[in-house]
N, C-alpha and C. Protein backbone atom coordinates (compact mmCIF):
# COMPACT_ATOMS: atom_id res chain seq x y z
N UNK A 1 4.21 23.56 -27.98
CA UNK A 1 4.44 22.41 -28.84
C UNK A 1 4.57 22.92 -30.27
N UNK A 2 5.57 22.41 -31.00
CA UNK A 2 5.69 22.76 -32.41
C UNK A 2 5.15 21.62 -33.27
N UNK A 3 5.17 21.83 -34.59
CA UNK A 3 4.58 20.84 -35.50
C UNK A 3 5.30 19.50 -35.45
N UNK A 4 6.62 19.50 -35.24
CA UNK A 4 7.35 18.23 -35.15
C UNK A 4 6.94 17.47 -33.90
N UNK A 5 6.81 18.16 -32.78
CA UNK A 5 6.36 17.50 -31.54
C UNK A 5 4.93 17.00 -31.71
N UNK A 6 4.09 17.78 -32.39
CA UNK A 6 2.71 17.36 -32.63
C UNK A 6 2.67 16.12 -33.52
N UNK A 7 3.55 16.07 -34.52
CA UNK A 7 3.62 14.88 -35.38
C UNK A 7 4.03 13.66 -34.56
N UNK A 8 4.97 13.84 -33.65
CA UNK A 8 5.38 12.74 -32.77
C UNK A 8 4.24 12.28 -31.88
N UNK A 9 3.47 13.22 -31.36
CA UNK A 9 2.32 12.87 -30.53
C UNK A 9 1.28 12.13 -31.37
N UNK A 10 1.03 12.60 -32.59
CA UNK A 10 0.08 11.92 -33.48
C UNK A 10 0.54 10.49 -33.77
N UNK A 11 1.84 10.32 -34.00
CA UNK A 11 2.38 8.97 -34.22
C UNK A 11 2.11 8.07 -33.02
N UNK A 12 2.32 8.58 -31.81
CA UNK A 12 2.09 7.77 -30.61
C UNK A 12 0.61 7.40 -30.47
N UNK A 13 -0.28 8.36 -30.76
CA UNK A 13 -1.72 8.08 -30.70
C UNK A 13 -2.07 6.92 -31.64
N UNK A 14 -1.57 6.99 -32.86
CA UNK A 14 -1.87 5.95 -33.85
C UNK A 14 -1.19 4.63 -33.51
N UNK A 15 0.06 4.68 -33.11
CA UNK A 15 0.78 3.46 -32.75
C UNK A 15 0.11 2.75 -31.58
N UNK A 16 -0.32 3.52 -30.58
CA UNK A 16 -0.94 2.92 -29.40
C UNK A 16 -2.23 2.18 -29.75
N UNK A 17 -3.09 2.78 -30.56
CA UNK A 17 -4.34 2.09 -30.89
C UNK A 17 -4.08 0.88 -31.77
N UNK A 18 -3.15 0.97 -32.71
CA UNK A 18 -2.85 -0.19 -33.55
C UNK A 18 -2.26 -1.33 -32.74
N UNK A 19 -1.51 -1.02 -31.70
CA UNK A 19 -0.94 -2.07 -30.85
C UNK A 19 -2.00 -2.78 -30.01
N UNK A 20 -3.18 -2.18 -29.85
CA UNK A 20 -4.27 -2.78 -29.08
C UNK A 20 -5.06 -3.80 -29.89
N UNK A 21 -4.94 -3.77 -31.18
CA UNK A 21 -5.77 -4.61 -32.05
C UNK A 21 -5.13 -5.99 -32.19
N UNK A 22 -5.89 -7.01 -31.78
CA UNK A 22 -5.43 -8.39 -31.84
C UNK A 22 -6.47 -9.22 -32.57
N UNK A 23 -6.09 -10.12 -33.46
CA UNK A 23 -4.73 -10.29 -33.95
C UNK A 23 -4.26 -9.04 -34.68
N UNK A 24 -2.93 -8.83 -34.74
CA UNK A 24 -2.40 -7.60 -35.33
C UNK A 24 -2.72 -7.48 -36.82
N UNK A 25 -2.78 -6.25 -37.25
CA UNK A 25 -3.03 -5.91 -38.65
C UNK A 25 -1.74 -5.49 -39.31
N UNK A 26 -1.70 -5.60 -40.62
CA UNK A 26 -0.58 -5.00 -41.36
C UNK A 26 -1.04 -3.62 -41.83
N UNK A 27 -0.16 -2.65 -41.71
CA UNK A 27 -0.49 -1.28 -42.10
C UNK A 27 0.73 -0.61 -42.70
N UNK A 28 0.47 0.47 -43.42
CA UNK A 28 1.52 1.28 -44.02
C UNK A 28 1.26 2.74 -43.67
N UNK A 29 2.28 3.56 -43.78
CA UNK A 29 2.11 4.99 -43.55
C UNK A 29 1.33 5.61 -44.69
N UNK A 30 0.32 6.40 -44.35
CA UNK A 30 -0.33 7.25 -45.33
C UNK A 30 0.43 8.56 -45.37
N UNK A 31 -0.07 9.51 -46.13
CA UNK A 31 0.64 10.79 -46.23
C UNK A 31 0.57 11.59 -44.94
N UNK A 32 1.62 12.36 -44.69
CA UNK A 32 1.60 13.37 -43.63
C UNK A 32 1.09 14.65 -44.27
N UNK A 33 0.11 15.28 -43.63
CA UNK A 33 -0.44 16.53 -44.15
C UNK A 33 -0.09 17.67 -43.22
N UNK A 34 0.37 18.77 -43.80
CA UNK A 34 0.73 19.95 -43.03
C UNK A 34 -0.21 21.09 -43.37
N UNK A 35 -0.76 21.72 -42.34
CA UNK A 35 -1.57 22.91 -42.52
C UNK A 35 -0.77 24.13 -42.11
N UNK A 36 -1.43 25.24 -41.96
CA UNK A 36 -0.75 26.46 -41.55
C UNK A 36 -0.17 26.36 -40.16
N UNK A 37 -0.84 25.62 -39.28
CA UNK A 37 -0.35 25.47 -37.90
C UNK A 37 -0.71 24.10 -37.33
N UNK A 38 -0.99 23.13 -38.19
CA UNK A 38 -1.37 21.81 -37.70
C UNK A 38 -0.74 20.73 -38.59
N UNK A 39 -0.76 19.52 -38.08
CA UNK A 39 -0.18 18.38 -38.80
C UNK A 39 -1.08 17.17 -38.61
N UNK A 40 -1.16 16.33 -39.65
CA UNK A 40 -1.95 15.10 -39.60
C UNK A 40 -1.07 13.93 -40.02
N UNK A 41 -1.22 12.83 -39.31
CA UNK A 41 -0.55 11.59 -39.67
C UNK A 41 -1.62 10.54 -39.97
N UNK A 42 -1.29 9.61 -40.86
CA UNK A 42 -2.24 8.58 -41.25
C UNK A 42 -1.57 7.21 -41.28
N UNK A 43 -2.34 6.20 -40.89
CA UNK A 43 -1.95 4.81 -41.05
C UNK A 43 -3.02 4.16 -41.92
N UNK A 44 -2.60 3.45 -42.95
CA UNK A 44 -3.51 2.80 -43.88
C UNK A 44 -3.41 1.29 -43.64
N UNK A 45 -4.52 0.68 -43.27
CA UNK A 45 -4.54 -0.74 -42.96
C UNK A 45 -4.52 -1.52 -44.27
N UNK A 46 -3.54 -2.41 -44.40
CA UNK A 46 -3.39 -3.21 -45.62
C UNK A 46 -4.02 -4.59 -45.48
N UNK A 47 -4.47 -4.93 -44.28
CA UNK A 47 -5.19 -6.18 -44.04
C UNK A 47 -6.65 -5.97 -44.44
N UNK A 48 -7.20 -6.91 -45.19
CA UNK A 48 -8.61 -6.86 -45.54
C UNK A 48 -9.43 -7.08 -44.27
N UNK A 49 -10.34 -6.17 -43.97
CA UNK A 49 -11.26 -6.32 -42.83
C UNK A 49 -12.65 -6.54 -43.43
N UNK A 50 -13.17 -7.75 -43.27
CA UNK A 50 -14.45 -8.11 -43.88
C UNK A 50 -15.61 -7.34 -43.25
N UNK A 51 -16.72 -7.30 -43.99
CA UNK A 51 -17.94 -6.69 -43.44
C UNK A 51 -18.32 -7.34 -42.12
N UNK A 52 -18.13 -8.67 -42.02
CA UNK A 52 -18.48 -9.40 -40.81
C UNK A 52 -17.64 -9.00 -39.61
N UNK A 53 -16.44 -8.49 -39.83
CA UNK A 53 -15.52 -8.17 -38.73
C UNK A 53 -15.44 -6.68 -38.40
N UNK A 54 -16.06 -5.83 -39.21
CA UNK A 54 -15.93 -4.39 -38.99
C UNK A 54 -16.50 -3.94 -37.65
N UNK A 55 -17.61 -4.55 -37.23
CA UNK A 55 -18.19 -4.19 -35.94
C UNK A 55 -17.24 -4.50 -34.80
N UNK A 56 -16.62 -5.67 -34.83
CA UNK A 56 -15.64 -6.04 -33.79
C UNK A 56 -14.46 -5.09 -33.81
N UNK A 57 -13.99 -4.78 -34.99
CA UNK A 57 -12.85 -3.88 -35.17
C UNK A 57 -13.15 -2.50 -34.57
N UNK A 58 -14.31 -1.95 -34.94
CA UNK A 58 -14.71 -0.65 -34.40
C UNK A 58 -14.90 -0.71 -32.89
N UNK A 59 -15.44 -1.82 -32.39
CA UNK A 59 -15.65 -1.97 -30.95
C UNK A 59 -14.35 -1.95 -30.17
N UNK A 60 -13.32 -2.63 -30.68
CA UNK A 60 -12.01 -2.63 -30.02
C UNK A 60 -11.47 -1.21 -29.94
N UNK A 61 -11.55 -0.49 -31.05
CA UNK A 61 -11.03 0.88 -31.11
C UNK A 61 -11.84 1.80 -30.20
N UNK A 62 -13.16 1.71 -30.25
CA UNK A 62 -14.03 2.54 -29.42
C UNK A 62 -13.71 2.33 -27.94
N UNK A 63 -13.63 1.07 -27.51
CA UNK A 63 -13.34 0.78 -26.10
C UNK A 63 -11.97 1.32 -25.70
N UNK A 64 -10.97 1.11 -26.55
CA UNK A 64 -9.63 1.59 -26.23
C UNK A 64 -9.62 3.11 -26.10
N UNK A 65 -10.22 3.80 -27.05
CA UNK A 65 -10.22 5.27 -26.98
C UNK A 65 -10.96 5.75 -25.74
N UNK A 66 -12.11 5.17 -25.42
CA UNK A 66 -12.84 5.57 -24.21
C UNK A 66 -12.02 5.28 -22.95
N UNK A 67 -11.42 4.10 -22.88
CA UNK A 67 -10.60 3.73 -21.72
C UNK A 67 -9.38 4.63 -21.56
N UNK A 68 -8.90 5.19 -22.67
CA UNK A 68 -7.74 6.07 -22.65
C UNK A 68 -8.15 7.50 -22.30
N UNK A 69 -9.45 7.76 -22.21
CA UNK A 69 -9.92 9.10 -21.86
C UNK A 69 -10.27 9.97 -23.05
N UNK A 70 -10.28 9.39 -24.24
CA UNK A 70 -10.68 10.16 -25.42
C UNK A 70 -12.20 10.32 -25.39
N UNK A 71 -12.67 11.45 -25.93
CA UNK A 71 -14.11 11.70 -26.03
C UNK A 71 -14.55 11.35 -27.44
N UNK A 72 -15.51 10.44 -27.55
CA UNK A 72 -16.05 10.09 -28.87
C UNK A 72 -16.93 11.26 -29.32
N UNK A 73 -16.61 11.81 -30.49
CA UNK A 73 -17.33 12.99 -30.97
C UNK A 73 -18.38 12.66 -32.03
N UNK A 74 -18.19 11.55 -32.74
CA UNK A 74 -19.15 11.18 -33.78
C UNK A 74 -18.93 9.72 -34.18
N UNK A 75 -20.02 9.08 -34.58
CA UNK A 75 -19.96 7.71 -35.08
C UNK A 75 -20.82 7.64 -36.34
N UNK A 76 -20.25 7.09 -37.40
CA UNK A 76 -21.00 6.83 -38.63
C UNK A 76 -21.29 5.34 -38.64
N UNK A 77 -22.55 4.96 -38.57
CA UNK A 77 -22.93 3.56 -38.45
C UNK A 77 -23.22 2.90 -39.80
N UNK A 78 -22.77 3.51 -40.89
CA UNK A 78 -22.95 2.90 -42.21
C UNK A 78 -22.36 1.49 -42.19
N UNK A 79 -23.07 0.53 -42.75
CA UNK A 79 -22.62 -0.86 -42.71
C UNK A 79 -21.33 -1.06 -43.48
N UNK A 80 -21.25 -0.49 -44.68
CA UNK A 80 -20.08 -0.71 -45.53
C UNK A 80 -18.93 0.24 -45.21
N UNK A 81 -19.25 1.50 -44.88
CA UNK A 81 -18.21 2.52 -44.66
C UNK A 81 -18.35 3.18 -43.29
N UNK A 82 -18.28 2.40 -42.21
CA UNK A 82 -18.43 2.99 -40.88
C UNK A 82 -17.21 3.83 -40.50
N UNK A 83 -17.40 4.67 -39.49
CA UNK A 83 -16.30 5.50 -39.00
C UNK A 83 -16.57 5.89 -37.56
N UNK A 84 -15.50 6.21 -36.85
CA UNK A 84 -15.60 6.70 -35.49
C UNK A 84 -14.58 7.83 -35.33
N UNK A 85 -15.01 8.88 -34.64
CA UNK A 85 -14.19 10.08 -34.46
C UNK A 85 -14.09 10.39 -32.98
N UNK A 86 -12.92 10.81 -32.54
CA UNK A 86 -12.71 11.10 -31.12
C UNK A 86 -11.76 12.28 -30.96
N UNK A 87 -11.70 12.79 -29.73
CA UNK A 87 -10.79 13.89 -29.40
C UNK A 87 -10.06 13.53 -28.11
N UNK A 88 -8.76 13.78 -28.12
CA UNK A 88 -7.95 13.52 -26.93
C UNK A 88 -8.07 14.70 -25.97
N UNK A 89 -7.66 14.49 -24.73
CA UNK A 89 -7.71 15.56 -23.74
C UNK A 89 -6.83 16.75 -24.14
N UNK A 90 -5.77 16.50 -24.92
CA UNK A 90 -4.89 17.60 -25.33
C UNK A 90 -5.24 18.16 -26.71
N UNK A 91 -6.46 17.85 -27.20
CA UNK A 91 -6.98 18.51 -28.39
C UNK A 91 -6.69 17.88 -29.73
N UNK A 92 -6.13 16.69 -29.75
CA UNK A 92 -5.90 16.00 -31.02
C UNK A 92 -7.19 15.32 -31.46
N UNK A 93 -7.49 15.40 -32.75
CA UNK A 93 -8.60 14.64 -33.32
C UNK A 93 -8.05 13.32 -33.82
N UNK A 94 -8.83 12.27 -33.67
CA UNK A 94 -8.39 10.95 -34.13
C UNK A 94 -9.60 10.24 -34.74
N UNK A 95 -9.36 9.51 -35.81
CA UNK A 95 -10.48 8.84 -36.47
C UNK A 95 -10.06 7.49 -37.02
N UNK A 96 -11.06 6.64 -37.15
CA UNK A 96 -10.96 5.37 -37.86
C UNK A 96 -12.10 5.38 -38.86
N UNK A 97 -11.78 5.25 -40.13
CA UNK A 97 -12.82 5.22 -41.16
C UNK A 97 -12.53 4.10 -42.15
N UNK A 98 -13.59 3.58 -42.74
CA UNK A 98 -13.46 2.53 -43.74
C UNK A 98 -13.74 3.09 -45.12
N UNK A 99 -12.93 2.65 -46.08
CA UNK A 99 -13.12 3.00 -47.48
C UNK A 99 -13.40 1.76 -48.29
N UNK A 100 -13.18 1.85 -49.58
CA UNK A 100 -13.47 0.75 -50.49
C UNK A 100 -12.64 -0.48 -50.20
N UNK A 101 -13.22 -1.64 -50.53
CA UNK A 101 -12.56 -2.94 -50.38
C UNK A 101 -12.19 -3.27 -48.93
N UNK A 102 -12.89 -2.66 -47.97
CA UNK A 102 -12.62 -2.96 -46.56
C UNK A 102 -11.36 -2.33 -46.02
N UNK A 103 -10.84 -1.30 -46.69
CA UNK A 103 -9.61 -0.67 -46.23
C UNK A 103 -9.92 0.32 -45.12
N UNK A 104 -9.19 0.17 -44.02
CA UNK A 104 -9.38 1.05 -42.87
C UNK A 104 -8.26 2.09 -42.83
N UNK A 105 -8.63 3.28 -42.39
CA UNK A 105 -7.70 4.40 -42.29
C UNK A 105 -7.76 4.97 -40.88
N UNK A 106 -6.62 5.08 -40.23
CA UNK A 106 -6.51 5.78 -38.96
C UNK A 106 -5.85 7.12 -39.23
N UNK A 107 -6.39 8.18 -38.64
CA UNK A 107 -5.78 9.50 -38.81
C UNK A 107 -5.79 10.24 -37.49
N UNK A 108 -4.71 10.95 -37.21
CA UNK A 108 -4.61 11.81 -36.03
C UNK A 108 -4.22 13.20 -36.49
N UNK A 109 -4.99 14.20 -36.03
CA UNK A 109 -4.81 15.59 -36.43
C UNK A 109 -4.50 16.43 -35.19
N UNK A 110 -3.48 17.26 -35.28
CA UNK A 110 -3.09 18.09 -34.14
C UNK A 110 -3.96 19.33 -34.05
N UNK A 111 -4.01 19.93 -32.87
CA UNK A 111 -4.56 21.27 -32.77
C UNK A 111 -3.54 22.25 -33.38
N UNK A 112 -3.85 23.51 -33.40
CA UNK A 112 -2.92 24.52 -33.91
C UNK A 112 -1.72 24.61 -32.97
N UNK A 113 -0.53 24.50 -33.55
CA UNK A 113 0.72 24.53 -32.79
C UNK A 113 1.71 25.46 -33.49
N UNK A 114 2.87 25.64 -32.88
CA UNK A 114 3.89 26.50 -33.46
C UNK A 114 4.43 25.89 -34.75
N UNK A 115 4.56 26.70 -35.78
CA UNK A 115 5.04 26.23 -37.09
C UNK A 115 6.48 25.75 -36.99
N UNK A 116 6.78 24.63 -37.64
CA UNK A 116 8.14 24.09 -37.70
C UNK A 116 8.23 23.10 -38.84
N UNK A 117 9.43 22.67 -39.14
CA UNK A 117 9.63 21.59 -40.10
C UNK A 117 9.12 20.30 -39.48
N UNK A 118 8.69 19.36 -40.33
CA UNK A 118 8.18 18.08 -39.85
C UNK A 118 8.86 16.96 -40.62
N UNK A 119 9.52 16.07 -39.89
CA UNK A 119 10.16 14.90 -40.50
C UNK A 119 9.13 13.78 -40.67
N UNK A 120 9.44 12.85 -41.55
CA UNK A 120 8.58 11.68 -41.71
C UNK A 120 8.58 10.86 -40.42
N UNK A 121 7.55 10.08 -40.24
CA UNK A 121 7.44 9.22 -39.06
C UNK A 121 8.61 8.24 -39.00
N UNK A 122 9.07 7.98 -37.80
CA UNK A 122 10.15 7.00 -37.61
C UNK A 122 9.60 5.63 -37.21
N UNK A 123 8.29 5.53 -37.01
CA UNK A 123 7.68 4.24 -36.68
C UNK A 123 7.72 3.34 -37.91
N UNK A 124 8.35 2.16 -37.81
CA UNK A 124 8.35 1.27 -38.98
C UNK A 124 6.95 0.70 -39.21
N UNK A 125 6.51 0.60 -40.47
CA UNK A 125 5.19 0.03 -40.73
C UNK A 125 5.16 -1.45 -40.37
N UNK A 126 3.98 -1.94 -40.05
CA UNK A 126 3.79 -3.35 -39.77
C UNK A 126 3.32 -4.01 -41.06
N UNK A 127 4.24 -4.16 -42.00
CA UNK A 127 3.94 -4.70 -43.31
C UNK A 127 4.79 -3.98 -44.34
N UNK A 128 4.48 -4.15 -45.62
CA UNK A 128 5.27 -3.49 -46.67
C UNK A 128 5.28 -1.97 -46.48
N UNK A 129 6.41 -1.34 -46.77
CA UNK A 129 6.56 0.10 -46.56
C UNK A 129 5.91 0.93 -47.67
N UNK A 130 5.89 0.43 -48.89
CA UNK A 130 5.34 1.16 -50.03
C UNK A 130 5.95 2.55 -50.18
N UNK A 131 7.24 2.68 -49.88
CA UNK A 131 7.89 3.99 -50.00
C UNK A 131 7.84 4.47 -51.44
N UNK A 132 7.44 5.72 -51.61
CA UNK A 132 7.35 6.32 -52.93
C UNK A 132 6.13 5.91 -53.73
N UNK A 133 5.25 5.09 -53.15
CA UNK A 133 4.05 4.63 -53.85
C UNK A 133 2.86 5.46 -53.36
N UNK A 134 2.21 6.13 -54.28
CA UNK A 134 0.99 6.86 -53.94
C UNK A 134 0.11 6.92 -55.18
N UNK A 135 -1.16 6.60 -55.07
CA UNK A 135 -1.80 6.16 -53.84
C UNK A 135 -1.41 4.73 -53.47
N UNK A 136 -1.60 4.42 -52.21
CA UNK A 136 -1.31 3.06 -51.75
C UNK A 136 -2.31 2.09 -52.37
N UNK A 137 -1.92 0.83 -52.54
CA UNK A 137 -2.87 -0.15 -53.09
C UNK A 137 -4.01 -0.41 -52.11
N UNK A 138 -5.05 -1.00 -52.63
CA UNK A 138 -6.16 -1.45 -51.78
C UNK A 138 -5.62 -2.53 -50.84
N UNK A 139 -6.37 -2.86 -49.78
CA UNK A 139 -5.89 -3.90 -48.87
C UNK A 139 -5.64 -5.20 -49.63
N UNK A 140 -4.50 -5.81 -49.35
CA UNK A 140 -4.11 -7.01 -50.10
C UNK A 140 -3.54 -8.10 -49.20
N UNK A 141 -3.65 -7.93 -47.89
CA UNK A 141 -3.16 -8.92 -46.93
C UNK A 141 -4.38 -9.62 -46.33
N UNK A 142 -4.38 -10.93 -46.37
CA UNK A 142 -5.49 -11.70 -45.81
C UNK A 142 -5.14 -12.17 -44.41
N UNK A 143 -6.11 -12.08 -43.52
CA UNK A 143 -5.97 -12.54 -42.15
C UNK A 143 -7.05 -13.60 -41.91
N UNK A 144 -6.68 -14.75 -41.31
CA UNK A 144 -7.71 -15.75 -41.04
C UNK A 144 -8.86 -15.17 -40.19
N UNK A 145 -8.54 -14.23 -39.30
CA UNK A 145 -9.58 -13.64 -38.46
C UNK A 145 -10.23 -12.42 -39.12
N UNK A 146 -9.45 -11.37 -39.39
CA UNK A 146 -10.02 -10.10 -39.86
C UNK A 146 -10.64 -10.20 -41.24
N UNK A 147 -10.16 -11.08 -42.07
CA UNK A 147 -10.67 -11.18 -43.45
C UNK A 147 -11.76 -12.24 -43.60
N UNK A 148 -12.13 -12.90 -42.52
CA UNK A 148 -13.12 -13.99 -42.59
C UNK A 148 -14.41 -13.51 -43.25
N UNK A 149 -14.83 -14.22 -44.29
CA UNK A 149 -16.06 -13.90 -44.99
C UNK A 149 -15.89 -12.89 -46.11
N UNK A 150 -14.70 -12.33 -46.27
CA UNK A 150 -14.47 -11.36 -47.34
C UNK A 150 -14.21 -12.09 -48.65
N UNK A 151 -14.66 -11.51 -49.76
CA UNK A 151 -14.40 -12.16 -51.06
C UNK A 151 -12.92 -12.19 -51.38
């Protein structure tokens, strides 16, 4: 597998978990990171996820990853900034972490693969694209469900 194929696999990992979350969230592409022999893709959730809903959100992701055969490697149970980390059977690391203002970040990291050029993801974002904008804004999309109880 080369870095482009690994980036495609990372995209599928992220797309699959985001498709499991109901009601759907709006998200944008985060930066693609390239290492010496690895690649990381990120999805930045633009929907506000309230403190009251973070447990449900993490539970959906945890169950999906376990049902898919991923091994949960670590869980951060911090109330405000929780996170969950897992590993796929083919060696990809995947995480869901919360940052400021209830912003969630999904990231998938490849194992070491053959060096190659890597194109940007072809998956269209579920929300504004924010092309050329970095850093991305804080979450600014309200959901009757996911944002319930958030200021």
